[in-house]
């Protein structure tokens, strides 16, 4: 087998090598700046790898890879092959399909590391609830995240919660 730049095995071997190098290091010896950069970069890379996994999973599903491997569904294959709980494996398969077929902008944002898989979960749930109206949202809803909390939180429009007496409500009822 000849390997090329488009061969996923070659790319994964290189990735494994880089991860092994990071694992061999002792973060206790890094500067705070190195720690901060590493944490943020690994976070972004984790989201990008989730995008790669989703794309590969959607393609594997479309080609019937799970059935050819003797499994009833792609979710069943994923759960068995990766020891992932069946419900989560099924969610991954459905999410991979949705990213490919229905939410390509979300797939791009995940691939860029701009959003997390938790954002994908929320976007997919919203899309299932309100459908294509989700893609015509007000720009304020899809604005970039705020990078710092406000200096002062706004006052609550409601009164504060009453203090707890430490007893359940039924204990004070007549």
N, C-alpha and C. Protein backbone atom coordinates (compact mmCIF):
# COMPACT_ATOMS: atom_id res chain seq x y z
N UNK A 1 0.84 -1.17 0.00
CA UNK A 1 0.00 0.00 0.00
C UNK A 1 0.89 1.24 0.00
N UNK A 2 0.65 2.11 -0.94
CA UNK A 2 1.40 3.36 -1.03
C UNK A 2 0.69 4.43 -0.22
N UNK A 3 1.44 5.14 0.62
CA UNK A 3 0.82 6.19 1.42
C UNK A 3 1.03 7.53 0.73
N UNK A 4 0.03 8.36 0.80
CA UNK A 4 0.10 9.70 0.24
C UNK A 4 -0.32 10.69 1.30
N UNK A 5 -0.28 11.95 0.93
CA UNK A 5 -0.66 13.00 1.87
C UNK A 5 -2.15 12.91 2.22
N UNK A 6 -2.93 12.22 1.39
CA UNK A 6 -4.36 12.10 1.66
C UNK A 6 -4.70 10.81 2.39
N UNK A 7 -3.70 10.06 2.76
CA UNK A 7 -3.91 8.80 3.47
C UNK A 7 -4.17 9.10 4.96
N UNK A 8 -5.35 8.73 5.47
CA UNK A 8 -5.62 9.02 6.89
C UNK A 8 -4.70 8.28 7.84
N UNK A 9 -4.20 7.12 7.45
CA UNK A 9 -3.30 6.37 8.34
C UNK A 9 -2.02 7.16 8.61
N UNK A 10 -1.49 7.79 7.57
CA UNK A 10 -0.27 8.59 7.73
C UNK A 10 -0.53 9.78 8.65
N UNK A 11 -1.65 10.46 8.43
CA UNK A 11 -1.99 11.61 9.26
C UNK A 11 -2.21 11.19 10.71
N UNK A 12 -2.88 10.07 10.92
CA UNK A 12 -3.12 9.60 12.29
C UNK A 12 -1.83 9.16 12.96
N UNK A 13 -0.92 8.53 12.21
CA UNK A 13 0.38 8.16 12.78
C UNK A 13 1.13 9.40 13.26
N UNK A 14 1.11 10.46 12.45
CA UNK A 14 1.76 11.71 12.84
C UNK A 14 1.11 12.32 14.07
N UNK A 15 -0.21 12.25 14.12
CA UNK A 15 -0.94 12.78 15.27
C UNK A 15 -0.60 11.99 16.53
N UNK A 16 -0.59 10.66 16.42
CA UNK A 16 -0.23 9.82 17.58
C UNK A 16 1.16 10.17 18.09
N UNK A 17 2.09 10.38 17.17
CA UNK A 17 3.47 10.73 17.54
C UNK A 17 3.49 12.05 18.31
N UNK A 18 2.75 13.04 17.84
CA UNK A 18 2.71 14.33 18.52
C UNK A 18 2.07 14.22 19.90
N UNK A 19 1.00 13.45 20.00
CA UNK A 19 0.34 13.26 21.29
C UNK A 19 1.27 12.52 22.25
N UNK A 20 1.97 11.52 21.76
CA UNK A 20 2.93 10.80 22.60
C UNK A 20 4.01 11.74 23.14
N UNK A 21 4.46 12.67 22.31
CA UNK A 21 5.45 13.64 22.77
C UNK A 21 4.89 14.50 23.90
N UNK A 22 3.66 14.95 23.75
CA UNK A 22 3.03 15.76 24.80
C UNK A 22 2.85 14.95 26.09
N UNK A 23 2.45 13.70 25.95
CA UNK A 23 2.25 12.84 27.13
C UNK A 23 3.55 12.56 27.86
N UNK A 24 4.66 12.56 27.13
CA UNK A 24 5.95 12.29 27.76
C UNK A 24 6.49 13.50 28.53
N UNK A 25 5.89 14.65 28.30
CA UNK A 25 6.35 15.86 28.98
C UNK A 25 5.70 15.99 30.36
N UNK A 26 6.32 16.79 31.21
CA UNK A 26 5.78 17.05 32.54
C UNK A 26 5.27 18.48 32.60
N UNK A 27 3.95 18.69 32.58
CA UNK A 27 3.40 20.04 32.62
C UNK A 27 3.82 20.84 33.85
N UNK A 28 4.23 20.17 34.90
CA UNK A 28 4.69 20.88 36.10
C UNK A 28 5.94 21.71 35.80
N UNK A 29 6.64 21.39 34.73
CA UNK A 29 7.85 22.11 34.36
C UNK A 29 7.59 23.25 33.38
N UNK A 30 6.36 23.39 32.91
CA UNK A 30 6.03 24.43 31.93
C UNK A 30 5.76 25.75 32.63
N UNK A 31 5.93 26.82 31.89
CA UNK A 31 5.58 28.14 32.42
C UNK A 31 4.06 28.28 32.40
N UNK A 32 3.56 29.25 33.12
CA UNK A 32 2.11 29.49 33.11
C UNK A 32 1.62 29.83 31.71
N UNK A 33 2.42 30.57 30.97
CA UNK A 33 2.05 30.91 29.59
C UNK A 33 1.95 29.65 28.74
N UNK A 34 2.91 28.73 28.89
CA UNK A 34 2.88 27.47 28.15
C UNK A 34 1.67 26.62 28.56
N UNK A 35 1.38 26.60 29.84
CA UNK A 35 0.22 25.84 30.32
C UNK A 35 -1.07 26.40 29.72
N UNK A 36 -1.20 27.71 29.77
CA UNK A 36 -2.41 28.35 29.25
C UNK A 36 -2.57 28.07 27.75
N UNK A 37 -1.50 28.27 26.99
CA UNK A 37 -1.56 28.02 25.54
C UNK A 37 -1.89 26.55 25.26
N UNK A 38 -1.27 25.65 26.02
CA UNK A 38 -1.49 24.23 25.79
C UNK A 38 -2.95 23.86 26.07
N UNK A 39 -3.47 24.34 27.18
CA UNK A 39 -4.87 24.03 27.53
C UNK A 39 -5.80 24.53 26.44
N UNK A 40 -5.61 25.76 25.98
CA UNK A 40 -6.49 26.33 24.96
C UNK A 40 -6.32 25.63 23.62
N UNK A 41 -5.08 25.34 23.25
CA UNK A 41 -4.84 24.65 21.98
C UNK A 41 -5.39 23.23 21.99
N UNK A 42 -5.22 22.51 23.08
CA UNK A 42 -5.75 21.15 23.17
C UNK A 42 -7.28 21.18 23.12
N UNK A 43 -7.87 22.18 23.75
CA UNK A 43 -9.33 22.32 23.69
C UNK A 43 -9.79 22.50 22.24
N UNK A 44 -9.14 23.39 21.51
CA UNK A 44 -9.51 23.61 20.11
C UNK A 44 -9.28 22.35 19.29
N UNK A 45 -8.14 21.70 19.48
CA UNK A 45 -7.85 20.47 18.74
C UNK A 45 -8.86 19.37 19.06
N UNK A 46 -9.31 19.30 20.29
CA UNK A 46 -10.31 18.30 20.67
C UNK A 46 -11.59 18.50 19.86
N UNK A 47 -12.01 19.75 19.70
CA UNK A 47 -13.22 20.02 18.92
C UNK A 47 -12.99 19.69 17.45
N UNK A 48 -11.81 20.02 16.95
CA UNK A 48 -11.50 19.71 15.56
C UNK A 48 -11.46 18.21 15.32
N UNK A 49 -10.93 17.47 16.28
CA UNK A 49 -10.93 16.00 16.15
C UNK A 49 -12.35 15.45 16.21
N UNK A 50 -13.22 16.07 17.00
CA UNK A 50 -14.63 15.65 17.03
C UNK A 50 -15.25 15.86 15.64
N UNK A 51 -14.88 16.93 14.97
CA UNK A 51 -15.39 17.17 13.62
C UNK A 51 -14.90 16.10 12.65
N UNK A 52 -13.63 15.72 12.77
CA UNK A 52 -13.07 14.65 11.93
C UNK A 52 -13.82 13.35 12.21
N UNK A 53 -14.04 13.05 13.49
CA UNK A 53 -14.75 11.82 13.85
C UNK A 53 -16.16 11.82 13.27
N UNK A 54 -16.84 12.96 13.36
CA UNK A 54 -18.21 13.04 12.84
C UNK A 54 -18.23 12.82 11.33
N UNK A 55 -17.29 13.44 10.62
CA UNK A 55 -17.24 13.26 9.16
C UNK A 55 -16.96 11.80 8.80
N UNK A 56 -16.02 11.18 9.50
CA UNK A 56 -15.68 9.78 9.21
C UNK A 56 -16.85 8.87 9.55
N UNK A 57 -17.50 9.16 10.67
CA UNK A 57 -18.63 8.32 11.11
C UNK A 57 -19.80 8.43 10.12
N UNK A 58 -20.08 9.62 9.64
CA UNK A 58 -21.17 9.80 8.67
C UNK A 58 -20.86 9.04 7.38
N UNK A 59 -19.62 9.08 6.94
CA UNK A 59 -19.22 8.37 5.72
C UNK A 59 -19.29 6.85 5.93
N UNK A 60 -18.80 6.38 7.08
CA UNK A 60 -18.85 4.96 7.42
C UNK A 60 -20.29 4.48 7.44
N UNK A 61 -21.18 5.30 8.02
CA UNK A 61 -22.61 4.97 8.10
C UNK A 61 -23.22 4.90 6.70
N UNK A 62 -22.92 5.88 5.87
CA UNK A 62 -23.49 5.92 4.52
C UNK A 62 -23.07 4.71 3.69
N UNK A 63 -21.84 4.27 3.89
CA UNK A 63 -21.33 3.14 3.11
C UNK A 63 -21.73 1.78 3.69
N UNK A 64 -22.45 1.78 4.81
CA UNK A 64 -22.89 0.51 5.39
C UNK A 64 -21.77 -0.27 6.05
N UNK A 65 -20.75 0.44 6.53
CA UNK A 65 -19.60 -0.22 7.14
C UNK A 65 -19.97 -1.09 8.33
N UNK A 66 -20.92 -0.63 9.12
CA UNK A 66 -21.31 -1.39 10.31
C UNK A 66 -21.96 -2.72 9.93
N UNK A 67 -22.82 -2.68 8.94
CA UNK A 67 -23.49 -3.90 8.50
C UNK A 67 -22.49 -4.88 7.88
N UNK A 68 -21.53 -4.34 7.13
CA UNK A 68 -20.50 -5.21 6.55
C UNK A 68 -19.64 -5.84 7.64
N UNK A 69 -19.53 -5.15 8.79
CA UNK A 69 -18.75 -5.69 9.91
C UNK A 69 -19.60 -6.60 10.80
N UNK A 70 -20.87 -6.84 10.40
CA UNK A 70 -21.72 -7.77 11.13
C UNK A 70 -22.57 -7.14 12.22
N UNK A 71 -22.74 -5.82 12.21
CA UNK A 71 -23.56 -5.15 13.22
C UNK A 71 -24.87 -4.68 12.60
N UNK A 72 -25.87 -4.58 13.44
CA UNK A 72 -27.20 -4.18 12.98
C UNK A 72 -27.23 -2.72 12.56
N UNK A 73 -26.59 -1.84 13.37
CA UNK A 73 -26.59 -0.41 13.09
C UNK A 73 -25.18 0.14 13.30
N UNK A 74 -24.98 1.35 12.80
CA UNK A 74 -23.70 2.02 13.02
C UNK A 74 -23.54 2.36 14.50
N UNK A 75 -24.63 2.72 15.15
CA UNK A 75 -24.56 2.99 16.59
C UNK A 75 -24.13 1.75 17.37
N UNK A 76 -24.67 0.61 16.99
CA UNK A 76 -24.29 -0.66 17.63
C UNK A 76 -22.81 -0.94 17.41
N UNK A 77 -22.34 -0.75 16.17
CA UNK A 77 -20.93 -0.96 15.87
C UNK A 77 -20.05 -0.02 16.70
N UNK A 78 -20.42 1.27 16.77
CA UNK A 78 -19.63 2.24 17.51
C UNK A 78 -19.59 1.90 19.00
N UNK A 79 -20.74 1.54 19.55
CA UNK A 79 -20.81 1.19 20.97
C UNK A 79 -19.93 -0.02 21.27
N UNK A 80 -20.00 -1.02 20.43
CA UNK A 80 -19.22 -2.23 20.65
C UNK A 80 -17.72 -1.99 20.42
N UNK A 81 -17.40 -1.28 19.38
CA UNK A 81 -16.00 -1.09 19.00
C UNK A 81 -15.25 -0.14 19.93
N UNK A 82 -15.95 0.83 20.50
CA UNK A 82 -15.28 1.83 21.33
C UNK A 82 -15.67 1.76 22.80
N UNK A 83 -16.50 0.78 23.15
CA UNK A 83 -17.00 0.65 24.52
C UNK A 83 -17.71 1.93 24.99
N UNK A 84 -18.39 2.57 24.04
CA UNK A 84 -19.18 3.77 24.32
C UNK A 84 -20.59 3.30 24.68
N UNK A 85 -21.23 3.92 25.66
CA UNK A 85 -22.62 3.54 25.96
C UNK A 85 -23.49 3.66 24.70
N UNK A 86 -24.41 2.72 24.54
CA UNK A 86 -25.22 2.64 23.32
C UNK A 86 -25.95 3.94 23.02
N UNK A 87 -26.52 4.58 24.03
CA UNK A 87 -27.24 5.83 23.80
C UNK A 87 -26.34 6.92 23.26
N UNK A 88 -25.14 7.01 23.79
CA UNK A 88 -24.19 8.03 23.34
C UNK A 88 -23.70 7.70 21.92
N UNK A 89 -23.48 6.44 21.66
CA UNK A 89 -23.04 6.04 20.32
C UNK A 89 -24.12 6.38 19.29
N UNK A 90 -25.36 6.09 19.62
CA UNK A 90 -26.46 6.45 18.72
C UNK A 90 -26.55 7.95 18.50
N UNK A 91 -26.35 8.72 19.59
CA UNK A 91 -26.36 10.18 19.47
C UNK A 91 -25.26 10.62 18.51
N UNK A 92 -24.07 10.03 18.62
CA UNK A 92 -22.95 10.40 17.74
C UNK A 92 -23.30 10.14 16.28
N UNK A 93 -23.90 9.00 16.00
CA UNK A 93 -24.24 8.67 14.61
C UNK A 93 -25.26 9.67 14.07
N UNK A 94 -26.31 9.93 14.84
CA UNK A 94 -27.34 10.88 14.40
C UNK A 94 -26.76 12.29 14.25
N UNK A 95 -25.87 12.66 15.14
CA UNK A 95 -25.23 13.97 15.07
C UNK A 95 -24.33 14.07 13.85
N UNK A 96 -23.58 13.01 13.57
CA UNK A 96 -22.71 13.00 12.39
C UNK A 96 -23.53 13.17 11.12
N UNK A 97 -24.66 12.49 11.04
CA UNK A 97 -25.54 12.63 9.87
C UNK A 97 -26.07 14.06 9.77
N UNK A 98 -26.52 14.59 10.91
CA UNK A 98 -27.08 15.95 10.92
C UNK A 98 -26.04 16.99 10.52
N UNK A 99 -24.82 16.86 11.01
CA UNK A 99 -23.77 17.80 10.65
C UNK A 99 -23.50 17.77 9.15
N UNK A 100 -23.53 16.59 8.58
CA UNK A 100 -23.27 16.44 7.15
C UNK A 100 -24.45 16.92 6.30
N UNK A 101 -25.66 16.53 6.69
CA UNK A 101 -26.82 16.73 5.83
C UNK A 101 -27.62 18.00 6.10
N UNK A 102 -27.68 18.42 7.37
CA UNK A 102 -28.61 19.49 7.75
C UNK A 102 -27.92 20.71 8.32
N UNK A 103 -26.81 20.51 8.99
CA UNK A 103 -26.15 21.61 9.70
C UNK A 103 -24.69 21.80 9.24
N UNK A 104 -24.49 22.06 7.95
CA UNK A 104 -23.11 22.18 7.46
C UNK A 104 -22.35 23.37 8.07
N UNK A 105 -23.06 24.47 8.38
CA UNK A 105 -22.38 25.61 9.00
C UNK A 105 -21.89 25.25 10.40
N UNK A 106 -22.69 24.47 11.10
CA UNK A 106 -22.30 24.00 12.42
C UNK A 106 -21.09 23.07 12.31
N UNK A 107 -21.10 22.22 11.30
CA UNK A 107 -19.95 21.32 11.08
C UNK A 107 -18.68 22.13 10.81
N UNK A 108 -18.80 23.20 10.05
CA UNK A 108 -17.65 24.05 9.76
C UNK A 108 -17.14 24.72 11.03
N UNK A 109 -18.06 25.22 11.84
CA UNK A 109 -17.66 25.88 13.09
C UNK A 109 -16.96 24.90 14.02
N UNK A 110 -17.45 23.67 14.09
CA UNK A 110 -16.80 22.64 14.91
C UNK A 110 -15.41 22.32 14.35
N UNK A 111 -15.32 22.20 13.04
CA UNK A 111 -14.03 21.89 12.41
C UNK A 111 -13.02 23.02 12.61
N UNK A 112 -13.51 24.24 12.72
CA UNK A 112 -12.62 25.38 12.98
C UNK A 112 -12.25 25.49 14.46
N UNK A 113 -12.93 24.71 15.30
CA UNK A 113 -12.68 24.79 16.74
C UNK A 113 -13.37 25.99 17.37
N UNK A 114 -14.29 26.62 16.64
CA UNK A 114 -14.98 27.81 17.12
C UNK A 114 -16.10 27.48 18.11
N UNK A 115 -16.62 26.25 18.03
CA UNK A 115 -17.66 25.80 18.95
C UNK A 115 -17.27 24.43 19.48
N UNK A 116 -17.93 24.01 20.55
CA UNK A 116 -17.65 22.71 21.14
C UNK A 116 -18.73 21.71 20.76
N UNK A 117 -18.48 20.46 21.07
CA UNK A 117 -19.48 19.43 20.80
C UNK A 117 -20.73 19.67 21.64
N UNK A 118 -20.58 20.34 22.79
CA UNK A 118 -21.75 20.70 23.59
C UNK A 118 -22.60 21.73 22.86
N UNK A 119 -21.96 22.65 22.15
CA UNK A 119 -22.72 23.60 21.33
C UNK A 119 -23.46 22.85 20.23
N UNK A 120 -22.79 21.89 19.63
CA UNK A 120 -23.42 21.10 18.57
C UNK A 120 -24.66 20.40 19.12
N UNK A 121 -24.55 19.86 20.32
CA UNK A 121 -25.69 19.19 20.95
C UNK A 121 -26.87 20.16 21.08
N UNK A 122 -26.60 21.37 21.55
CA UNK A 122 -27.65 22.37 21.74
C UNK A 122 -28.23 22.82 20.40
N UNK A 123 -27.38 23.04 19.41
CA UNK A 123 -27.84 23.48 18.10
C UNK A 123 -28.69 22.40 17.46
N UNK A 124 -28.24 21.16 17.57
CA UNK A 124 -29.00 20.06 16.98
C UNK A 124 -30.36 19.91 17.66
N UNK A 125 -30.39 20.03 18.98
CA UNK A 125 -31.67 19.95 19.70
C UNK A 125 -32.60 21.09 19.29
N UNK A 126 -32.04 22.30 19.16
CA UNK A 126 -32.85 23.44 18.73
C UNK A 126 -33.37 23.22 17.31
N UNK A 127 -32.53 22.70 16.45
CA UNK A 127 -32.95 22.45 15.07
C UNK A 127 -34.06 21.41 15.02
N UNK A 128 -33.95 20.38 15.84
CA UNK A 128 -35.01 19.36 15.87
C UNK A 128 -36.31 19.96 16.38
N UNK A 129 -36.22 20.96 17.27
CA UNK A 129 -37.41 21.56 17.85
C UNK A 129 -38.05 22.59 16.92
N UNK A 130 -37.24 23.51 16.37
CA UNK A 130 -37.82 24.59 15.57
C UNK A 130 -37.52 24.50 14.09
N UNK A 131 -36.78 23.52 13.69
CA UNK A 131 -36.55 23.27 12.27
C UNK A 131 -35.68 24.31 11.60
N UNK A 132 -35.97 24.56 10.32
CA UNK A 132 -35.13 25.44 9.52
C UNK A 132 -35.21 26.90 9.95
N UNK A 133 -36.18 27.26 10.78
CA UNK A 133 -36.23 28.63 11.29
C UNK A 133 -34.98 28.95 12.09
N UNK A 134 -34.30 27.92 12.57
CA UNK A 134 -33.06 28.13 13.33
C UNK A 134 -32.00 28.82 12.47
N UNK A 135 -31.99 28.54 11.18
CA UNK A 135 -30.97 29.13 10.30
C UNK A 135 -31.25 30.58 9.97
N UNK A 136 -32.41 31.10 10.34
CA UNK A 136 -32.73 32.50 10.07
C UNK A 136 -32.79 33.30 11.36
N UNK A 137 -32.05 32.90 12.37
CA UNK A 137 -32.04 33.58 13.67
C UNK A 137 -31.48 34.99 13.55
N UNK A 138 -31.89 35.81 14.50
CA UNK A 138 -31.37 37.16 14.64
C UNK A 138 -29.86 37.08 14.84
N UNK A 139 -29.07 37.96 14.20
CA UNK A 139 -27.60 37.91 14.37
C UNK A 139 -27.15 38.03 15.82
N UNK A 140 -27.93 38.66 16.67
CA UNK A 140 -27.54 38.77 18.07
C UNK A 140 -27.46 37.40 18.73
N UNK A 141 -28.28 36.48 18.26
CA UNK A 141 -28.27 35.14 18.84
C UNK A 141 -27.00 34.40 18.45
N UNK A 142 -26.51 34.67 17.25
CA UNK A 142 -25.35 33.95 16.75
C UNK A 142 -24.08 34.79 16.83
N UNK A 143 -24.11 35.87 17.59
CA UNK A 143 -22.93 36.73 17.74
C UNK A 143 -21.81 35.98 18.41
N UNK A 144 -20.56 36.42 18.21
CA UNK A 144 -19.44 35.76 18.87
C UNK A 144 -19.58 35.82 20.39
N UNK A 145 -19.01 34.88 21.09
CA UNK A 145 -19.15 34.86 22.54
C UNK A 145 -18.46 36.05 23.19
N UNK A 146 -18.99 36.45 24.33
CA UNK A 146 -18.38 37.50 25.12
C UNK A 146 -17.14 36.91 25.77
N UNK A 147 -16.04 37.64 25.72
CA UNK A 147 -14.79 37.09 26.24
C UNK A 147 -14.59 37.38 27.72
N UNK A 148 -15.34 38.33 28.26
CA UNK A 148 -15.20 38.65 29.69
C UNK A 148 -16.58 38.90 30.28
N UNK A 149 -16.79 38.54 31.53
CA UNK A 149 -18.09 38.78 32.14
C UNK A 149 -18.29 40.28 32.34
N UNK A 150 -19.53 40.72 32.46
CA UNK A 150 -19.76 42.14 32.71
C UNK A 150 -19.15 42.53 34.05
N UNK A 151 -18.83 43.81 34.17
CA UNK A 151 -18.20 44.25 35.41
C UNK A 151 -19.21 44.28 36.55
N UNK A 152 -20.49 44.43 36.23
CA UNK A 152 -21.52 44.43 37.26
C UNK A 152 -22.74 43.71 36.69
N UNK A 153 -23.23 42.73 37.41
CA UNK A 153 -24.39 41.98 36.95
C UNK A 153 -25.64 42.83 37.11
N UNK A 154 -26.59 42.75 36.18
CA UNK A 154 -27.82 43.53 36.31
C UNK A 154 -28.65 43.03 37.49
N UNK A 155 -29.45 43.96 38.05
CA UNK A 155 -30.31 43.57 39.16
C UNK A 155 -31.40 42.63 38.66
N UNK A 156 -31.76 41.69 39.50
CA UNK A 156 -32.80 40.73 39.16
C UNK A 156 -34.15 41.42 39.18
N UNK A 157 -35.02 41.16 38.20
CA UNK A 157 -36.35 41.79 38.19
C UNK A 157 -37.28 41.20 39.24
N UNK A 158 -36.87 40.10 39.86
CA UNK A 158 -37.72 39.48 40.86
C UNK A 158 -37.06 39.57 42.22
N UNK A 159 -37.88 39.39 43.24
CA UNK A 159 -37.36 39.42 44.60
C UNK A 159 -36.47 38.21 44.83
N UNK A 160 -35.52 38.32 45.76
CA UNK A 160 -34.65 37.16 46.04
C UNK A 160 -35.46 36.00 46.60
N UNK A 161 -34.90 34.82 46.46
CA UNK A 161 -35.56 33.63 46.97
C UNK A 161 -35.71 33.74 48.49
N UNK A 162 -36.82 33.23 49.04
CA UNK A 162 -36.96 33.27 50.50
C UNK A 162 -35.94 32.36 51.15
N UNK A 163 -35.56 32.71 52.35
CA UNK A 163 -34.61 31.88 53.08
C UNK A 163 -35.23 30.54 53.42
N UNK A 164 -34.42 29.54 53.39
CA UNK A 164 -34.90 28.21 53.72
C UNK A 164 -34.91 28.05 55.24
N UNK A 165 -35.95 27.39 55.72
CA UNK A 165 -36.03 27.11 57.16
C UNK A 165 -35.32 25.81 57.49
N UNK A 166 -34.90 25.10 56.44
CA UNK A 166 -34.24 23.83 56.66
C UNK A 166 -35.24 22.68 56.79
N UNK A 167 -36.52 23.01 56.77
CA UNK A 167 -37.56 21.98 56.85
C UNK A 167 -38.29 21.88 55.53
N UNK A 168 -38.73 20.71 55.16
CA UNK A 168 -39.51 20.59 53.92
C UNK A 168 -40.82 21.37 54.05
N UNK A 169 -41.37 21.77 52.89
CA UNK A 169 -42.62 22.56 52.89
C UNK A 169 -43.74 21.88 53.64
N UNK A 170 -43.86 20.55 53.52
CA UNK A 170 -44.97 19.86 54.16
C UNK A 170 -44.87 19.91 55.68
N UNK A 171 -43.66 20.15 56.21
CA UNK A 171 -43.49 20.18 57.67
C UNK A 171 -44.07 21.47 58.26
N UNK A 172 -44.23 22.51 57.45
CA UNK A 172 -44.76 23.78 57.96
C UNK A 172 -46.21 23.98 57.54
N UNK A 173 -46.75 23.07 56.75
CA UNK A 173 -48.15 23.20 56.30
C UNK A 173 -49.10 22.82 57.42
N UNK A 174 -50.29 23.53 57.49
CA UNK A 174 -51.27 23.16 58.52
C UNK A 174 -51.90 21.82 58.27
